[in-house]
């Protein structure tokens, strides 16, 4: 699996529709392999991060991970268990897959503008303070993305890559990096004095982005990366939800 992922990331274009001849059973097996691959890599990286964070705490009195814990606690305090599950395990994966994987599969101009607006609004929120609730904002995005997906599936040109190899690879790499970067706010407030260390804390999301792009391009669909994304996010959330319900 590691060799497959490395080979893919060197040249994403060459992987386009590589799994088109696979049966549903074979795709489920691939999904299972990528899921455990992601968990294994994440655990290894988190162990390194734990050591690094301990060193930071002892030497600089800074804990980047503590900010993540506080962010999660605030999120849990302002949302019910069910609401947290829906947002984390269903809404977030669908929107993120539409933002970072769907552009690899369709030339939709509307999609490009939506992706551009959402990313700008995310990284520079002050000029775009919208008087709209979280739920309505995401409902609008979901409807737009769903419409684009339906139109893309109905298109006869979606069986070929949308760009030449060089542009396609650059797009895949850029979207993968962007996917990791949008998670940097999970560690807010950011410590600028150790800003160079944040890429290490974002490595799990980067690896996830590579694997999710691998599935999207291999099967020319966001269905499989969406399922994997849901599975990854649900790993921690399902036990919490079950404890709350029962």
Protein backbone atom coordinates (compact mmCIF):
# COMPACT_ATOMS: atom_id res chain seq x y z
CA UNK A 1 0.00 0.00 0.00
CA UNK A 2 2.81 2.42 0.89
CA UNK A 3 4.47 1.81 -2.48
CA UNK A 4 1.16 2.37 -4.28
CA UNK A 5 0.59 5.69 -2.48
CA UNK A 6 4.15 6.90 -3.14
CA UNK A 7 3.91 5.92 -6.81
CA UNK A 8 0.58 7.72 -7.06
CA UNK A 9 1.83 10.93 -5.49
CA UNK A 10 4.77 11.10 -7.86
CA UNK A 11 2.40 11.10 -10.82
CA UNK A 12 -1.33 11.35 -9.92
CA UNK A 13 -2.26 11.69 -13.59
CA UNK A 14 -1.08 8.14 -14.34
CA UNK A 15 -3.53 6.77 -11.76
CA UNK A 16 -6.64 8.25 -13.39
CA UNK A 17 -9.32 5.54 -13.68
CA UNK A 18 -6.72 2.86 -12.87
CA UNK A 19 -9.36 1.05 -10.84
CA UNK A 20 -12.18 1.31 -13.36
CA UNK A 21 -12.20 -2.44 -13.93
CA UNK A 22 -12.42 -3.35 -10.25
CA UNK A 23 -15.55 -4.88 -8.80
CA UNK A 24 -17.38 -3.40 -5.81
CA UNK A 25 -15.85 -6.11 -3.62
CA UNK A 26 -12.33 -5.20 -4.78
CA UNK A 27 -13.02 -1.52 -4.11
CA UNK A 28 -14.24 -2.30 -0.60
CA UNK A 29 -11.01 -4.24 0.00
CA UNK A 30 -9.02 -1.23 -1.25
CA UNK A 31 -11.09 1.00 1.02
CA UNK A 32 -10.33 -1.20 4.01
CA UNK A 33 -6.61 -1.22 3.23
CA UNK A 34 -6.46 2.56 2.89
CA UNK A 35 -8.42 3.00 6.13
CA UNK A 36 -5.99 0.93 8.19
CA UNK A 37 -3.05 2.51 6.36
CA UNK A 38 -4.30 5.97 7.38
CA UNK A 39 -4.82 4.91 10.99
CA UNK A 40 -1.38 3.31 11.22
CA UNK A 41 0.42 6.32 9.76
CA UNK A 42 -1.62 8.70 11.93
CA UNK A 43 -0.72 6.80 15.11
CA UNK A 44 2.98 6.85 14.19
CA UNK A 45 2.90 10.59 13.47
CA UNK A 46 0.89 11.37 16.62
CA UNK A 47 3.51 9.56 18.73
CA UNK A 48 6.19 11.82 17.23
CA UNK A 49 3.97 14.86 17.81
CA UNK A 50 3.42 13.86 21.46
CA UNK A 51 7.18 13.73 22.01
CA UNK A 52 7.67 17.05 20.21
CA UNK A 53 4.87 18.71 22.16
CA UNK A 54 6.37 17.49 25.43
CA UNK A 55 9.72 19.03 24.50
CA UNK A 56 8.00 22.31 23.56
CA UNK A 57 6.12 22.39 26.85
CA UNK A 58 9.26 21.81 28.91
CA UNK A 59 11.53 24.19 27.00
CA UNK A 60 9.22 26.97 25.78
CA UNK A 61 6.11 26.52 27.94
CA UNK A 62 4.14 26.12 24.70
CA UNK A 63 1.73 23.29 23.90
CA UNK A 64 0.34 23.31 20.39
CA UNK A 65 -1.67 20.17 21.09
CA UNK A 66 -3.30 21.83 24.11
CA UNK A 67 -4.87 24.38 21.75
CA UNK A 68 -6.34 21.52 19.73
CA UNK A 69 -7.79 19.96 22.88
CA UNK A 70 -9.34 23.28 23.94
CA UNK A 71 -10.81 23.75 20.46
CA UNK A 72 -12.41 20.31 20.62
CA UNK A 73 -13.75 20.94 24.12
CA UNK A 74 -15.33 24.23 23.00
CA UNK A 75 -16.88 22.50 19.99
CA UNK A 76 -18.32 19.75 22.20
CA UNK A 77 -19.62 22.28 24.71
CA UNK A 78 -21.56 24.23 22.08
CA UNK A 79 -22.96 21.22 20.20
CA UNK A 80 -24.88 18.12 21.22
CA UNK A 81 -23.31 14.70 20.64
CA UNK A 82 -25.62 14.08 17.69
CA UNK A 83 -24.92 17.50 16.18
CA UNK A 84 -21.17 16.99 16.64
CA UNK A 85 -21.38 13.62 14.92
CA UNK A 86 -23.36 14.96 11.94
CA UNK A 87 -21.03 17.92 11.49
CA UNK A 88 -17.79 15.98 11.95
CA UNK A 89 -18.64 12.69 10.24
CA UNK A 90 -21.07 13.68 7.47
CA UNK A 91 -21.14 17.39 6.64
CA UNK A 92 -17.41 18.09 6.95
CA UNK A 93 -16.31 15.06 4.86
CA UNK A 94 -18.78 15.84 2.06
CA UNK A 95 -17.84 19.51 1.86
CA UNK A 96 -14.11 18.84 2.12
CA UNK A 97 -14.21 16.11 -0.53
CA UNK A 98 -16.16 18.46 -2.80
CA UNK A 99 -13.62 21.24 -2.21
CA UNK A 100 -10.41 19.25 -2.51
CA UNK A 101 -11.19 16.18 -4.63
CA UNK A 102 -14.06 17.19 -6.92
CA UNK A 103 -11.90 19.79 -8.77
CA UNK A 104 -9.75 16.85 -9.89
CA UNK A 105 -12.75 15.28 -11.61
CA UNK A 106 -14.67 18.12 -13.27
CA UNK A 107 -13.95 21.34 -15.17
CA UNK A 108 -16.95 23.13 -13.67
CA UNK A 109 -16.28 26.87 -13.61
CA UNK A 110 -18.85 27.29 -10.85
CA UNK A 111 -16.95 24.76 -8.73
CA UNK A 112 -13.71 26.71 -9.16
CA UNK A 113 -15.35 29.93 -8.01
CA UNK A 114 -16.97 28.20 -5.02
CA UNK A 115 -13.67 26.59 -4.00
CA UNK A 116 -11.88 29.93 -4.37
CA UNK A 117 -14.50 31.78 -2.31
CA UNK A 118 -14.64 29.19 0.46
CA UNK A 119 -10.85 29.04 0.84
CA UNK A 120 -10.45 32.82 0.83
CA UNK A 121 -13.31 33.17 3.30
CA UNK A 122 -11.73 30.49 5.50
CA UNK A 123 -8.23 31.96 5.64
CA UNK A 124 -9.33 35.62 5.60
CA UNK A 125 -12.69 35.63 7.40
CA UNK A 126 -12.89 39.28 8.50
CA UNK A 127 -13.68 40.82 5.07
CA UNK A 128 -16.31 38.10 4.51
CA UNK A 129 -18.29 38.10 7.74
CA UNK A 130 -21.54 36.52 6.58
CA UNK A 131 -24.82 37.02 8.41
CA UNK A 132 -25.82 33.41 7.94
CA UNK A 133 -25.93 30.48 10.35
CA UNK A 134 -23.49 27.58 10.18
CA UNK A 135 -26.24 25.22 9.09
CA UNK A 136 -27.59 27.43 6.29
CA UNK A 137 -24.08 28.12 5.02
CA UNK A 138 -23.34 24.40 4.78
CA UNK A 139 -26.76 23.54 3.32
CA UNK A 140 -26.11 26.01 0.50
CA UNK A 141 -22.66 24.52 -0.14
CA UNK A 142 -24.03 20.97 -0.08
CA UNK A 143 -26.76 21.83 -2.61
CA UNK A 144 -24.24 23.52 -4.93
CA UNK A 145 -21.79 20.62 -4.73
CA UNK A 146 -24.55 18.03 -5.16
CA UNK A 147 -25.72 19.80 -8.32
CA UNK A 148 -22.18 19.91 -9.72
CA UNK A 149 -21.68 16.20 -8.96
CA UNK A 150 -24.94 15.27 -10.71
CA UNK A 151 -24.04 17.35 -13.77
CA UNK A 152 -20.53 15.90 -13.82
CA UNK A 153 -21.85 12.33 -13.72
CA UNK A 154 -24.18 13.13 -16.59
CA UNK A 155 -21.33 14.53 -18.69
CA UNK A 156 -19.81 12.40 -21.41
CA UNK A 157 -16.37 13.99 -20.97
CA UNK A 158 -15.77 12.91 -17.39
CA UNK A 159 -13.93 9.75 -18.43
CA UNK A 160 -10.73 11.65 -19.27
CA UNK A 161 -8.50 13.85 -17.06
CA UNK A 162 -9.51 17.52 -17.09
CA UNK A 163 -5.94 18.79 -17.71
CA UNK A 164 -2.70 17.65 -19.30
CA UNK A 165 -0.40 15.58 -17.03
CA UNK A 166 1.72 18.48 -15.75
CA UNK A 167 -1.20 20.77 -14.83
CA UNK A 168 -3.18 17.87 -13.40
CA UNK A 169 -0.35 16.79 -11.10
CA UNK A 170 0.22 20.36 -9.90
CA UNK A 171 -3.49 20.71 -9.18
CA UNK A 172 -3.54 17.48 -7.18
CA UNK A 173 -0.49 18.46 -5.16
CA UNK A 174 -1.85 21.97 -4.50
CA UNK A 175 -5.23 20.67 -3.34
CA UNK A 176 -3.60 18.09 -1.07
CA UNK A 177 -1.48 20.76 0.60
CA UNK A 178 -4.49 23.09 0.87
CA UNK A 179 -6.49 20.29 2.50
CA UNK A 180 -3.83 19.98 5.20
CA UNK A 181 -3.51 23.75 5.65
CA UNK A 182 -7.22 24.35 6.30
CA UNK A 183 -6.83 22.27 9.44
CA UNK A 184 -4.26 24.65 10.91
CA UNK A 185 -7.03 26.63 12.60
CA UNK A 186 -7.66 23.58 14.76
CA UNK A 187 -4.56 24.70 16.66
CA UNK A 188 -5.59 28.35 17.11
CA UNK A 189 -4.38 30.59 18.58
CA UNK A 190 -1.18 29.98 16.62
CA UNK A 191 2.24 30.42 18.21
CA UNK A 192 4.23 32.38 15.63
CA UNK A 193 7.51 31.75 17.43
CA UNK A 194 7.29 28.05 16.54
CA UNK A 195 5.28 28.42 13.35
CA UNK A 196 7.81 26.30 11.45
CA UNK A 197 6.70 23.28 13.49
CA UNK A 198 3.06 23.36 12.40
CA UNK A 199 3.69 21.31 9.21
CA UNK A 200 4.59 18.40 11.49
CA UNK A 201 1.27 18.73 13.33
CA UNK A 202 -0.53 18.79 9.97
CA UNK A 203 1.18 15.65 8.64
CA UNK A 204 -1.79 13.34 9.43
CA UNK A 205 -4.11 15.57 7.37
CA UNK A 206 -1.54 15.68 4.57
CA UNK A 207 -1.35 11.88 4.48
CA UNK A 208 -5.15 11.67 4.53
CA UNK A 209 -5.26 14.14 1.63
CA UNK A 210 -2.88 12.03 -0.44
CA UNK A 211 -4.85 8.83 0.18
CA UNK A 212 -8.23 10.48 -0.43
CA UNK A 213 -6.95 11.95 -3.71
CA UNK A 214 -5.63 8.50 -4.63
CA UNK A 215 -9.11 6.99 -4.29
CA UNK A 216 -10.83 9.89 -6.07
CA UNK A 217 -8.54 9.73 -9.09
CA UNK A 218 -8.28 5.94 -9.17
CA UNK A 219 -12.07 5.57 -9.39
CA UNK A 220 -12.91 8.99 -10.89
CA UNK A 221 -15.43 9.52 -8.10
CA UNK A 222 -15.69 11.25 -4.72
CA UNK A 223 -17.89 8.44 -3.38
CA UNK A 224 -14.98 6.27 -2.23
CA UNK A 225 -12.87 9.05 -0.69
CA UNK A 226 -16.03 10.34 1.00
CA UNK A 227 -16.67 6.92 2.56
CA UNK A 228 -13.06 6.73 3.74
CA UNK A 229 -13.23 10.28 5.10
CA UNK A 230 -16.40 9.41 7.02
CA UNK A 231 -14.75 6.26 8.39
CA UNK A 232 -11.65 8.14 9.57
CA UNK A 233 -13.64 10.90 11.26
CA UNK A 234 -16.05 8.37 12.77
CA UNK A 235 -13.29 6.37 14.44
CA UNK A 236 -13.28 8.71 17.43
CA UNK A 237 -16.83 10.06 17.15
CA UNK A 238 -18.88 6.83 17.00
CA UNK A 239 -17.87 5.62 20.49
CA UNK A 240 -18.76 9.07 21.90
CA UNK A 241 -22.16 9.00 20.17
CA UNK A 242 -22.92 5.44 21.33
CA UNK A 243 -21.97 6.35 24.89
CA UNK A 244 -24.30 9.34 24.71
CA UNK A 245 -27.21 7.34 23.22
CA UNK A 246 -26.93 4.22 25.38
